Amino acid sequence: MTRPVNQMPPVHPGEILREDYLLPLGMSANALANALGVPATRIHEIIKERRAVTADTAQRLARYFGGDAASWLTLQAIYDLKTLATYDEIIETVSPRTVSPRVAEPNL
């Protein structure tokens, strides 16, 4: 089974950081790293789309630019799911759980 067709290619949060924040502000990755208190390599790797945005980085970006950390983490999660290399393997090897008619669903 193949992945559902999606017209839009996945967007890495680093692309958004680079194109929607740094470039319009004329800000360098080094300047952002200094403002966030993180190593410059972290920001460089994120904007080159080689590194994921972690909870720590998401919180720092949200504090600096405004907004919330969950938005950055959601962007990362969506990217990760859309680029999941093992999607087909998971579909083929993991069966959905079936519920017996006599077993009630737990109340969550």
PDB file of N, CA and C in Angstrom:
ATOM      1  N   MET A   1       0.848  -1.175   0.000  1.00  0.00           N
ATOM      2  CA  MET A   1       0.000   0.000   0.000  1.00  0.00           C
ATOM      3  C   MET A   1       0.892   1.235   0.000  1.00  0.00           C
ATOM      4  N   THR A   2       0.540   2.208  -0.780  1.00  0.00           N
ATOM      5  CA  THR A   2       1.348   3.421  -0.821  1.00  0.00           C
ATOM      6  C   THR A   2       0.692   4.531  -0.023  1.00  0.00           C
ATOM      7  N   ARG A   3       1.485   5.472   0.298  1.00  0.00           N
ATOM      8  CA  ARG A   3       1.059   6.631   1.071  1.00  0.00           C
ATOM      9  C   ARG A   3       0.006   7.418   0.282  1.00  0.00           C
ATOM     10  N   PRO A   4      -0.998   7.984   0.974  1.00  0.00           N
ATOM     11  CA  PRO A   4      -1.985   8.801   0.274  1.00  0.00           C
ATOM     12  C   PRO A   4      -1.311   9.951  -0.468  1.00  0.00           C
ATOM     13  N   VAL A   5      -1.856  10.276  -1.633  1.00  0.00           N
ATOM     14  CA  VAL A   5      -1.284  11.334  -2.456  1.00  0.00           C
ATOM     15  C   VAL A   5      -1.542  12.685  -1.794  1.00  0.00           C
ATOM     16  N   ASN A   6      -0.514  13.479  -1.721  1.00  0.00           N
ATOM     17  CA  ASN A   6      -0.621  14.826  -1.176  1.00  0.00           C
ATOM     18  C   ASN A   6      -0.005  15.764  -2.193  1.00  0.00           C
ATOM     19  N   GLN A   7      -0.725  16.774  -2.556  1.00  0.00           N
ATOM     20  CA  GLN A   7      -0.247  17.701  -3.576  1.00  0.00           C
ATOM     21  C   GLN A   7       0.922  18.561  -3.093  1.00  0.00           C
ATOM     22  N   MET A   8       0.974  18.810  -1.812  1.00  0.00           N
ATOM     23  CA  MET A   8       2.011  19.678  -1.263  1.00  0.00           C
ATOM     24  C   MET A   8       3.200  18.852  -0.767  1.00  0.00           C
ATOM     25  N   PRO A   9       4.417  19.243  -1.147  1.00  0.00           N
ATOM     26  CA  PRO A   9       5.577  18.548  -0.586  1.00  0.00           C
ATOM     27  C   PRO A   9       5.710  18.908   0.894  1.00  0.00           C
ATOM     28  N   PRO A  10       6.289  18.035   1.687  1.00  0.00           N
ATOM     29  CA  PRO A  10       6.449  18.348   3.108  1.00  0.00           C
ATOM     30  C   PRO A  10       7.367  19.558   3.299  1.00  0.00           C
ATOM     31  N   VAL A  11       7.035  20.370   4.274  1.00  0.00           N
ATOM     32  CA  VAL A  11       7.818  21.576   4.558  1.00  0.00           C
ATOM     33  C   VAL A  11       8.500  21.408   5.912  1.00  0.00           C
ATOM     34  N   HIS A  12       9.810  21.488   5.893  1.00  0.00           N
ATOM     35  CA  HIS A  12      10.589  21.392   7.127  1.00  0.00           C
ATOM     36  C   HIS A  12      10.460  22.717   7.885  1.00  0.00           C
ATOM     37  N   PRO A  13      10.354  22.669   9.218  1.00  0.00           N
ATOM     38  CA  PRO A  13      10.282  23.912   9.986  1.00  0.00           C
ATOM     39  C   PRO A  13      11.481  24.833   9.747  1.00  0.00           C
ATOM     40  N   GLY A  14      12.607  24.256   9.375  1.00  0.00           N
ATOM     41  CA  GLY A  14      13.782  25.071   9.063  1.00  0.00           C
ATOM     42  C   GLY A  14      13.562  25.968   7.864  1.00  0.00           C
ATOM     43  N   GLU A  15      12.798  25.477   6.884  1.00  0.00           N
ATOM     44  CA  GLU A  15      12.472  26.302   5.722  1.00  0.00           C
ATOM     45  C   GLU A  15      11.614  27.489   6.148  1.00  0.00           C
ATOM     46  N   ILE A  16      10.658  27.245   7.016  1.00  0.00           N
ATOM     47  CA  ILE A  16       9.796  28.316   7.512  1.00  0.00           C
ATOM     48  C   ILE A  16      10.614  29.320   8.321  1.00  0.00           C
ATOM     49  N   LEU A  17      11.479  28.822   9.174  1.00  0.00           N
ATOM     50  CA  LEU A  17      12.334  29.702   9.962  1.00  0.00           C
ATOM     51  C   LEU A  17      13.192  30.570   9.050  1.00  0.00           C
ATOM     52  N   ARG A  18      13.780  29.964   8.050  1.00  0.00           N
ATOM     53  CA  ARG A  18      14.666  30.673   7.120  1.00  0.00           C
ATOM     54  C   ARG A  18      13.901  31.682   6.263  1.00  0.00           C
ATOM     55  N   GLU A  19      12.827  31.201   5.597  1.00  0.00           N
ATOM     56  CA  GLU A  19      12.124  32.017   4.604  1.00  0.00           C
ATOM     57  C   GLU A  19      11.159  33.036   5.205  1.00  0.00           C
ATOM     58  N   ASP A  20      10.518  32.683   6.310  1.00  0.00           N
ATOM     59  CA  ASP A  20       9.477  33.554   6.872  1.00  0.00           C
ATOM     60  C   ASP A  20       9.948  34.409   8.042  1.00  0.00           C
ATOM     61  N   TYR A  21      11.096  34.092   8.597  1.00  0.00           N
ATOM     62  CA  TYR A  21      11.586  34.846   9.747  1.00  0.00           C
ATOM     63  C   TYR A  21      12.944  35.487   9.475  1.00  0.00           C
ATOM     64  N   LEU A  22      13.950  34.670   9.214  1.00  0.00           N
ATOM     65  CA  LEU A  22      15.302  35.212   9.099  1.00  0.00           C
ATOM     66  C   LEU A  22      15.486  36.120   7.885  1.00  0.00           C
ATOM     67  N   LEU A  23      15.102  35.654   6.706  1.00  0.00           N
ATOM     68  CA  LEU A  23      15.305  36.466   5.499  1.00  0.00           C
ATOM     69  C   LEU A  23      14.557  37.794   5.556  1.00  0.00           C
ATOM     70  N   PRO A  24      13.251  37.808   5.889  1.00  0.00           N
ATOM     71  CA  PRO A  24      12.555  39.105   5.949  1.00  0.00           C
ATOM     72  C   PRO A  24      13.146  40.071   6.984  1.00  0.00           C
ATOM     73  N   LEU A  25      13.687  39.521   8.063  1.00  0.00           N
ATOM     74  CA  LEU A  25      14.273  40.366   9.105  1.00  0.00           C
ATOM     75  C   LEU A  25      15.732  40.727   8.822  1.00  0.00           C
ATOM     76  N   GLY A  26      16.305  40.114   7.786  1.00  0.00           N
ATOM     77  CA  GLY A  26      17.720  40.335   7.503  1.00  0.00           C
ATOM     78  C   GLY A  26      18.604  39.844   8.636  1.00  0.00           C
ATOM     79  N   MET A  27      18.161  38.775   9.278  1.00  0.00           N
ATOM     80  CA  MET A  27      18.851  38.246  10.457  1.00  0.00           C
ATOM     81  C   MET A  27      19.655  37.008  10.081  1.00  0.00           C
ATOM     82  N   SER A  28      20.849  36.906  10.603  1.00  0.00           N
ATOM     83  CA  SER A  28      21.680  35.730  10.335  1.00  0.00           C
ATOM     84  C   SER A  28      21.360  34.621  11.327  1.00  0.00           C
ATOM     85  N   ALA A  29      21.756  33.422  10.962  1.00  0.00           N
ATOM     86  CA  ALA A  29      21.592  32.280  11.861  1.00  0.00           C
ATOM     87  C   ALA A  29      22.405  32.491  13.134  1.00  0.00           C
ATOM     88  N   ASN A  30      23.585  33.075  12.998  1.00  0.00           N
ATOM     89  CA  ASN A  30      24.421  33.342  14.173  1.00  0.00           C
ATOM     90  C   ASN A  30      23.750  34.332  15.116  1.00  0.00           C
ATOM     91  N   ALA A  31      23.145  35.375  14.562  1.00  0.00           N
ATOM     92  CA  ALA A  31      22.463  36.369  15.399  1.00  0.00           C
ATOM     93  C   ALA A  31      21.286  35.733  16.132  1.00  0.00           C
ATOM     94  N   LEU A  32      20.544  34.870  15.434  1.00  0.00           N
ATOM     95  CA  LEU A  32      19.423  34.195  16.086  1.00  0.00           C
ATOM     96  C   LEU A  32      19.929  33.269  17.187  1.00  0.00           C
ATOM     97  N   ALA A  33      20.973  32.527  16.896  1.00  0.00           N
ATOM     98  CA  ALA A  33      21.542  31.626  17.903  1.00  0.00           C
ATOM     99  C   ALA A  33      21.949  32.399  19.155  1.00  0.00           C
ATOM    100  N   ASN A  34      22.584  33.537  18.960  1.00  0.00           N
ATOM    101  CA  ASN A  34      22.975  34.368  20.108  1.00  0.00           C
ATOM    102  C   ASN A  34      21.752  34.835  20.882  1.00  0.00           C
ATOM    103  N   ALA A  35      20.718  35.265  20.175  1.00  0.00           N
ATOM    104  CA  ALA A  35      19.499  35.747  20.826  1.00  0.00           C
ATOM    105  C   ALA A  35      18.797  34.636  21.604  1.00  0.00           C
ATOM    106  N   LEU A  36      18.877  33.412  21.082  1.00  0.00           N
ATOM    107  CA  LEU A  36      18.213  32.276  21.729  1.00  0.00           C
ATOM    108  C   LEU A  36      19.077  31.618  22.798  1.00  0.00           C
ATOM    109  N   GLY A  37      20.366  31.912  22.784  1.00  0.00           N
ATOM    110  CA  GLY A  37      21.272  31.280  23.742  1.00  0.00           C
ATOM    111  C   GLY A  37      21.557  29.829  23.421  1.00  0.00           C
ATOM    112  N   VAL A  38      21.672  29.536  22.118  1.00  0.00           N
ATOM    113  CA  VAL A  38      21.957  28.165  21.680  1.00  0.00           C
ATOM    114  C   VAL A  38      23.184  28.180  20.776  1.00  0.00           C
ATOM    115  N   PRO A  39      23.819  27.032  20.566  1.00  0.00           N
ATOM    116  CA  PRO A  39      24.952  26.983  19.638  1.00  0.00           C
ATOM    117  C   PRO A  39      24.514  27.340  18.215  1.00  0.00           C
ATOM    118  N   ALA A  40      25.352  28.066  17.516  1.00  0.00           N
ATOM    119  CA  ALA A  40      25.045  28.460  16.140  1.00  0.00           C
ATOM    120  C   ALA A  40      24.833  27.245  15.247  1.00  0.00           C
ATOM    121  N   THR A  41      25.550  26.155  15.524  1.00  0.00           N
ATOM    122  CA  THR A  41      25.387  24.960  14.688  1.00  0.00           C
ATOM    123  C   THR A  41      23.952  24.438  14.739  1.00  0.00           C
ATOM    124  N   ARG A  42      23.287  24.593  15.869  1.00  0.00           N
ATOM    125  CA  ARG A  42      21.901  24.130  15.979  1.00  0.00           C
ATOM    126  C   ARG A  42      21.012  24.872  14.979  1.00  0.00           C
ATOM    127  N   ILE A  43      21.130  26.194  14.940  1.00  0.00           N
ATOM    128  CA  ILE A  43      20.294  26.987  14.036  1.00  0.00           C
ATOM    129  C   ILE A  43      20.690  26.734  12.587  1.00  0.00           C
ATOM    130  N   HIS A  44      21.985  26.671  12.309  1.00  0.00           N
ATOM    131  CA  HIS A  44      22.442  26.387  10.939  1.00  0.00           C
ATOM    132  C   HIS A  44      21.885  25.051  10.445  1.00  0.00           C
ATOM    133  N   GLU A  45      21.939  24.026  11.275  1.00  0.00           N
ATOM    134  CA  GLU A  45      21.446  22.707  10.869  1.00  0.00           C
ATOM    135  C   GLU A  45      19.935  22.702  10.682  1.00  0.00           C
ATOM    136  N   ILE A  46      19.216  23.451  11.500  1.00  0.00           N
ATOM    137  CA  ILE A  46      17.757  23.523  11.340  1.00  0.00           C
ATOM    138  C   ILE A  46      17.409  24.222  10.034  1.00  0.00           C
ATOM    139  N   ILE A  47      18.018  25.373   9.749  1.00  0.00           N
ATOM    140  CA  ILE A  47      17.639  26.096   8.528  1.00  0.00           C
ATOM    141  C   ILE A  47      18.140  25.408   7.261  1.00  0.00           C
ATOM    142  N   LYS A  48      19.117  24.509   7.398  1.00  0.00           N
ATOM    143  CA  LYS A  48      19.545  23.691   6.256  1.00  0.00           C
ATOM    144  C   LYS A  48      18.732  22.400   6.170  1.00  0.00           C
ATOM    145  N   GLU A  49      17.751  22.276   7.069  1.00  0.00           N
ATOM    146  CA  GLU A  49      16.817  21.143   7.101  1.00  0.00           C
ATOM    147  C   GLU A  49      17.513  19.815   7.385  1.00  0.00           C
ATOM    148  N   ARG A  50      18.555  19.863   8.187  1.00  0.00           N
ATOM    149  CA  ARG A  50      19.305  18.663   8.571  1.00  0.00           C
ATOM    150  C   ARG A  50      19.039  18.248  10.010  1.00  0.00           C
ATOM    151  N   ARG A  51      18.289  19.079  10.738  1.00  0.00           N
ATOM    152  CA  ARG A  51      18.052  18.825  12.155  1.00  0.00           C
ATOM    153  C   ARG A  51      16.609  19.176  12.483  1.00  0.00           C
ATOM    154  N   ALA A  52      16.044  18.410  13.385  1.00  0.00           N
ATOM    155  CA  ALA A  52      14.661  18.646  13.804  1.00  0.00           C
ATOM    156  C   ALA A  52      14.598  19.753  14.850  1.00  0.00           C
ATOM    157  N   VAL A  53      13.436  20.389  14.921  1.00  0.00           N
ATOM    158  CA  VAL A  53      13.167  21.362  15.978  1.00  0.00           C
ATOM    159  C   VAL A  53      12.741  20.578  17.217  1.00  0.00           C
ATOM    160  N   THR A  54      13.485  20.725  18.292  1.00  0.00           N
ATOM    161  CA  THR A  54      13.175  20.044  19.554  1.00  0.00           C
ATOM    162  C   THR A  54      12.258  20.926  20.398  1.00  0.00           C
ATOM    163  N   ALA A  55      11.767  20.367  21.487  1.00  0.00           N
ATOM    164  CA  ALA A  55      10.921  21.137  22.401  1.00  0.00           C
ATOM    165  C   ALA A  55      11.680  22.349  22.943  1.00  0.00           C
ATOM    166  N   ASP A  56      12.944  22.168  23.270  1.00  0.00           N
ATOM    167  CA  ASP A  56      13.754  23.272  23.780  1.00  0.00           C
ATOM    168  C   ASP A  56      13.860  24.394  22.753  1.00  0.00           C
ATOM    169  N   THR A  57      14.189  24.041  21.520  1.00  0.00           N
ATOM    170  CA  THR A  57      14.320  25.051  20.470  1.00  0.00           C
ATOM    171  C   THR A  57      12.972  25.690  20.170  1.00  0.00           C
ATOM    172  N   ALA A  58      11.918  24.891  20.143  1.00  0.00           N
ATOM    173  CA  ALA A  58      10.574  25.421  19.884  1.00  0.00           C
ATOM    174  C   ALA A  58      10.194  26.466  20.926  1.00  0.00           C
ATOM    175  N   GLN A  59      10.488  26.190  22.180  1.00  0.00           N
ATOM    176  CA  GLN A  59      10.161  27.147  23.249  1.00  0.00           C
ATOM    177  C   GLN A  59      10.963  28.433  23.093  1.00  0.00           C
ATOM    178  N   ARG A  60      12.211  28.308  22.719  1.00  0.00           N
ATOM    179  CA  ARG A  60      13.056  29.492  22.529  1.00  0.00           C
ATOM    180  C   ARG A  60      12.582  30.319  21.332  1.00  0.00           C
ATOM    181  N   LEU A  61      12.224  29.646  20.228  1.00  0.00           N
ATOM    182  CA  LEU A  61      11.711  30.361  19.054  1.00  0.00           C
ATOM    183  C   LEU A  61      10.407  31.082  19.381  1.00  0.00           C
ATOM    184  N   ALA A  62       9.530  30.409  20.103  1.00  0.00           N
ATOM    185  CA  ALA A  62       8.247  31.009  20.475  1.00  0.00           C
ATOM    186  C   ALA A  62       8.457  32.214  21.393  1.00  0.00           C
ATOM    187  N   ARG A  63       9.359  32.109  22.315  1.00  0.00           N
ATOM    188  CA  ARG A  63       9.644  33.221  23.230  1.00  0.00           C
ATOM    189  C   ARG A  63      10.208  34.411  22.471  1.00  0.00           C
ATOM    190  N   TYR A  64      11.107  34.144  21.535  1.00  0.00           N
ATOM    191  CA  TYR A  64      11.774  35.221  20.804  1.00  0.00           C
ATOM    192  C   TYR A  64      10.858  35.872  19.764  1.00  0.00           C
ATOM    193  N   PHE A  65      10.205  35.049  18.932  1.00  0.00           N
ATOM    194  CA  PHE A  65       9.392  35.578  17.839  1.00  0.00           C
ATOM    195  C   PHE A  65       7.929  35.797  18.223  1.00  0.00           C
ATOM    196  N   GLY A  66       7.511  35.232  19.342  1.00  0.00           N
ATOM    197  CA  GLY A  66       6.098  35.266  19.709  1.00  0.00           C
ATOM    198  C   GLY A  66       5.438  33.984  19.242  1.00  0.00           C
ATOM    199  N   GLY A  67       4.214  33.781  19.657  1.00  0.00           N
ATOM    200  CA  GLY A  67       3.524  32.544  19.306  1.00  0.00           C
ATOM    201  C   GLY A  67       3.733  31.511  20.391  1.00  0.00           C
ATOM    202  N   ASP A  68       3.619  30.260  20.002  1.00  0.00           N
ATOM    203  CA  ASP A  68       3.757  29.205  21.004  1.00  0.00           C
ATOM    204  C   ASP A  68       4.627  28.073  20.483  1.00  0.00           C
ATOM    205  N   ALA A  69       5.233  27.375  21.413  1.00  0.00           N
ATOM    206  CA  ALA A  69       6.139  26.277  21.075  1.00  0.00           C
ATOM    207  C   ALA A  69       5.409  25.149  20.362  1.00  0.00           C
ATOM    208  N   ALA A  70       4.142  24.939  20.710  1.00  0.00           N
ATOM    209  CA  ALA A  70       3.381  23.845  20.100  1.00  0.00           C
ATOM    210  C   ALA A  70       3.292  23.997  18.584  1.00  0.00           C
ATOM    211  N   SER A  71       3.244  25.217  18.092  1.00  0.00           N
ATOM    212  CA  SER A  71       3.171  25.432  16.642  1.00  0.00           C
ATOM    213  C   SER A  71       4.429  24.926  15.947  1.00  0.00           C
ATOM    214  N   TRP A  72       5.595  25.217  16.526  1.00  0.00           N
ATOM    215  CA  TRP A  72       6.850  24.734  15.951  1.00  0.00           C
ATOM    216  C   TRP A  72       6.935  23.213  16.025  1.00  0.00           C
ATOM    217  N   LEU A  73       6.495  22.650  17.136  1.00  0.00           N
ATOM    218  CA  LEU A  73       6.535  21.193  17.290  1.00  0.00           C
ATOM    219  C   LEU A  73       5.536  20.509  16.364  1.00  0.00           C
ATOM    220  N   THR A  74       4.398  21.142  16.134  1.00  0.00           N
ATOM    221  CA  THR A  74       3.414  20.585  15.199  1.00  0.00           C
ATOM    222  C   THR A  74       3.974  20.568  13.789  1.00  0.00           C
ATOM    223  N   LEU A  75       4.627  21.652  13.387  1.00  0.00           N
ATOM    224  CA  LEU A  75       5.264  21.684  12.065  1.00  0.00           C
ATOM    225  C   LEU A  75       6.263  20.540  11.924  1.00  0.00           C
ATOM    226  N   GLN A  76       7.055  20.308  12.973  1.00  0.00           N
ATOM    227  CA  GLN A  76       8.049  19.235  12.936  1.00  0.00           C
ATOM    228  C   GLN A  76       7.381  17.873  12.858  1.00  0.00           C
ATOM    229  N   ALA A  77       6.327  17.672  13.648  1.00  0.00           N
ATOM    230  CA  ALA A  77       5.629  16.379  13.650  1.00  0.00           C
ATOM    231  C   ALA A  77       5.001  16.090  12.292  1.00  0.00           C
ATOM    232  N   ILE A  78       4.391  17.092  11.677  1.00  0.00           N
ATOM    233  CA  ILE A  78       3.788  16.906  10.352  1.00  0.00           C
ATOM    234  C   ILE A  78       4.870  16.550   9.339  1.00  0.00           C
ATOM    235  N   TYR A  79       5.990  17.250   9.383  1.00  0.00           N
ATOM    236  CA  TYR A  79       7.097  16.953   8.476  1.00  0.00           C
ATOM    237  C   TYR A  79       7.594  15.524   8.684  1.00  0.00           C
ATOM    238  N   ASP A  80       7.777  15.145   9.937  1.00  0.00           N
ATOM    239  CA  ASP A  80       8.272  13.799  10.247  1.00  0.00           C
ATOM    240  C   ASP A  80       7.321  12.726   9.725  1.00  0.00           C
ATOM    241  N   LEU A  81       6.027  12.922   9.915  1.00  0.00           N
ATOM    242  CA  LEU A  81       5.053  11.931   9.446  1.00  0.00           C
ATOM    243  C   LEU A  81       5.023  11.847   7.923  1.00  0.00           C
ATOM    244  N   LYS A  82       5.116  12.986   7.250  1.00  0.00           N
ATOM    245  CA  LYS A  82       5.072  12.988   5.784  1.00  0.00           C
ATOM    246  C   LYS A  82       6.332  12.419   5.155  1.00  0.00           C
ATOM    247  N   THR A  83       7.418  12.423   5.887  1.00  0.00           N
ATOM    248  CA  THR A  83       8.675  11.905   5.339  1.00  0.00           C
ATOM    249  C   THR A  83       9.068  10.569   5.962  1.00  0.00           C
ATOM    250  N   LEU A  84       8.148   9.951   6.652  1.00  0.00           N
ATOM    251  CA  LEU A  84       8.405   8.678   7.325  1.00  0.00           C
ATOM    252  C   LEU A  84       8.816   7.615   6.310  1.00  0.00           C
ATOM    253  N   ALA A  85      10.031   7.143   6.422  1.00  0.00           N
ATOM    254  CA  ALA A  85      10.569   6.173   5.463  1.00  0.00           C
ATOM    255  C   ALA A  85       9.932   4.799   5.607  1.00  0.00           C
ATOM    256  N   THR A  86       9.429   4.478   6.778  1.00  0.00           N
ATOM    257  CA  THR A  86       8.899   3.137   7.023  1.00  0.00           C
ATOM    258  C   THR A  86       7.375   3.070   6.940  1.00  0.00           C
ATOM    259  N   TYR A  87       6.734   4.057   6.326  1.00  0.00           N
ATOM    260  CA  TYR A  87       5.272   4.098   6.243  1.00  0.00           C
ATOM    261  C   TYR A  87       4.697   2.793   5.688  1.00  0.00           C
ATOM    262  N   ASP A  88       5.178   2.363   4.527  1.00  0.00           N
ATOM    263  CA  ASP A  88       4.651   1.143   3.900  1.00  0.00           C
ATOM    264  C   ASP A  88       4.878  -0.084   4.778  1.00  0.00           C
ATOM    265  N   GLU A  89       6.048  -0.166   5.399  1.00  0.00           N
ATOM    266  CA  GLU A  89       6.338  -1.301   6.282  1.00  0.00           C
ATOM    267  C   GLU A  89       5.359  -1.333   7.457  1.00  0.00           C
ATOM    268  N   ILE A  90       5.086  -0.187   8.031  1.00  0.00           N
ATOM    269  CA  ILE A  90       4.154  -0.124   9.158  1.00  0.00           C
ATOM    270  C   ILE A  90       2.761  -0.566   8.726  1.00  0.00           C
ATOM    271  N   ILE A  91       2.312  -0.089   7.586  1.00  0.00           N
ATOM    272  CA  ILE A  91       0.986  -0.457   7.081  1.00  0.00           C
ATOM    273  C   ILE A  91       0.897  -1.965   6.866  1.00  0.00           C
ATOM    274  N   GLU A  92       1.966  -2.570   6.360  1.00  0.00           N
ATOM    275  CA  GLU A  92       1.949  -4.003   6.072  1.00  0.00           C
ATOM    276  C   GLU A  92       2.136  -4.878   7.305  1.00  0.00           C
ATOM    277  N   THR A  93       2.855  -4.412   8.297  1.00  0.00           N
ATOM    278  CA  THR A  93       3.185  -5.281   9.428  1.00  0.00           C
ATOM    279  C   THR A  93       2.380  -5.037  10.697  1.00  0.00           C
ATOM    280  N   VAL A  94       1.734  -3.895  10.808  1.00  0.00           N
ATOM    281  CA  VAL A  94       0.962  -3.589  12.015  1.00  0.00           C
ATOM    282  C   VAL A  94      -0.516  -3.587  11.668  1.00  0.00           C
ATOM    283  N   SER A  95      -1.240  -4.513  12.273  1.00  0.00           N
ATOM    284  CA  SER A  95      -2.683  -4.603  12.035  1.00  0.00           C
ATOM    285  C   SER A  95      -3.432  -3.757  13.056  1.00  0.00           C
ATOM    286  N   PRO A  96      -4.520  -3.115  12.619  1.00  0.00           N
ATOM    287  CA  PRO A  96      -5.323  -2.354  13.580  1.00  0.00           C
ATOM    288  C   PRO A  96      -5.891  -3.281  14.649  1.00  0.00           C
ATOM    289  N   ARG A  97      -6.015  -2.783  15.846  1.00  0.00           N
ATOM    290  CA  ARG A  97      -6.579  -3.539  16.957  1.00  0.00           C
ATOM    291  C   ARG A  97      -8.062  -3.761  16.693  1.00  0.00           C
ATOM    292  N   THR A  98      -8.504  -4.983  16.949  1.00  0.00           N
ATOM    293  CA  THR A  98      -9.933  -5.274  16.815  1.00  0.00           C
ATOM    294  C   THR A  98     -10.531  -5.378  18.208  1.00  0.00           C
ATOM    295  N   VAL A  99     -11.779  -4.968  18.320  1.00  0.00           N
ATOM    296  CA  VAL A  99     -12.463  -4.979  19.609  1.00  0.00           C
ATOM    297  C   VAL A  99     -13.478  -6.106  19.606  1.00  0.00           C
ATOM    298  N   SER A 100     -13.380  -6.963  20.605  1.00  0.00           N
ATOM    299  CA  SER A 100     -14.342  -8.048  20.756  1.00  0.00           C
ATOM    300  C   SER A 100     -15.684  -7.450  21.159  1.00  0.00           C
ATOM    301  N   PRO A 101     -16.779  -7.979  20.622  1.00  0.00           N
ATOM    302  CA  PRO A 101     -18.094  -7.443  20.985  1.00  0.00           C
ATOM    303  C   PRO A 101     -18.375  -7.541  22.483  1.00  0.00           C
ATOM    304  N   ARG A 102     -17.743  -8.489  23.173  1.00  0.00           N
ATOM    305  CA  ARG A 102     -17.984  -8.663  24.605  1.00  0.00           C
ATOM    306  C   ARG A 102     -17.083  -7.795  25.474  1.00  0.00           C
ATOM    307  N   VAL A 103     -16.103  -7.160  24.880  1.00  0.00           N
ATOM    308  CA  VAL A 103     -15.169  -6.343  25.649  1.00  0.00           C
ATOM    309  C   VAL A 103     -15.503  -4.876  25.406  1.00  0.00           C
ATOM    310  N   ALA A 104     -15.811  -4.192  26.477  1.00  0.00           N
ATOM    311  CA  ALA A 104     -16.147  -2.776  26.357  1.00  0.00           C
ATOM    312  C   ALA A 104     -14.881  -1.951  26.172  1.00  0.00           C
ATOM    313  N   GLU A 105     -15.006  -0.860  25.458  1.00  0.00           N
ATOM    314  CA  GLU A 105     -13.898   0.073  25.299  1.00  0.00           C
ATOM    315  C   GLU A 105     -13.637   0.747  26.645  1.00  0.00           C
ATOM    316  N   PRO A 106     -12.388   0.964  26.990  1.00  0.00           N
ATOM    317  CA  PRO A 106     -12.097   1.652  28.255  1.00  0.00           C
ATOM    318  C   PRO A 106     -12.524   3.116  28.169  1.00  0.00           C
ATOM    319  N   ASN A 107     -12.964   3.644  29.270  1.00  0.00           N
ATOM    320  CA  ASN A 107     -13.300   5.068  29.333  1.00  0.00           C
ATOM    321  C   ASN A 107     -12.026   5.846  29.592  1.00  0.00           C
ATOM    322  N   LEU A 108     -11.693   6.716  28.679  1.00  0.00           N
ATOM    323  CA  LEU A 108     -10.464   7.507  28.835  1.00  0.00           C
ATOM    324  C   LEU A 108     -10.781   8.909  29.239  1.00  0.00           C
TER     325      LEU A 108
END
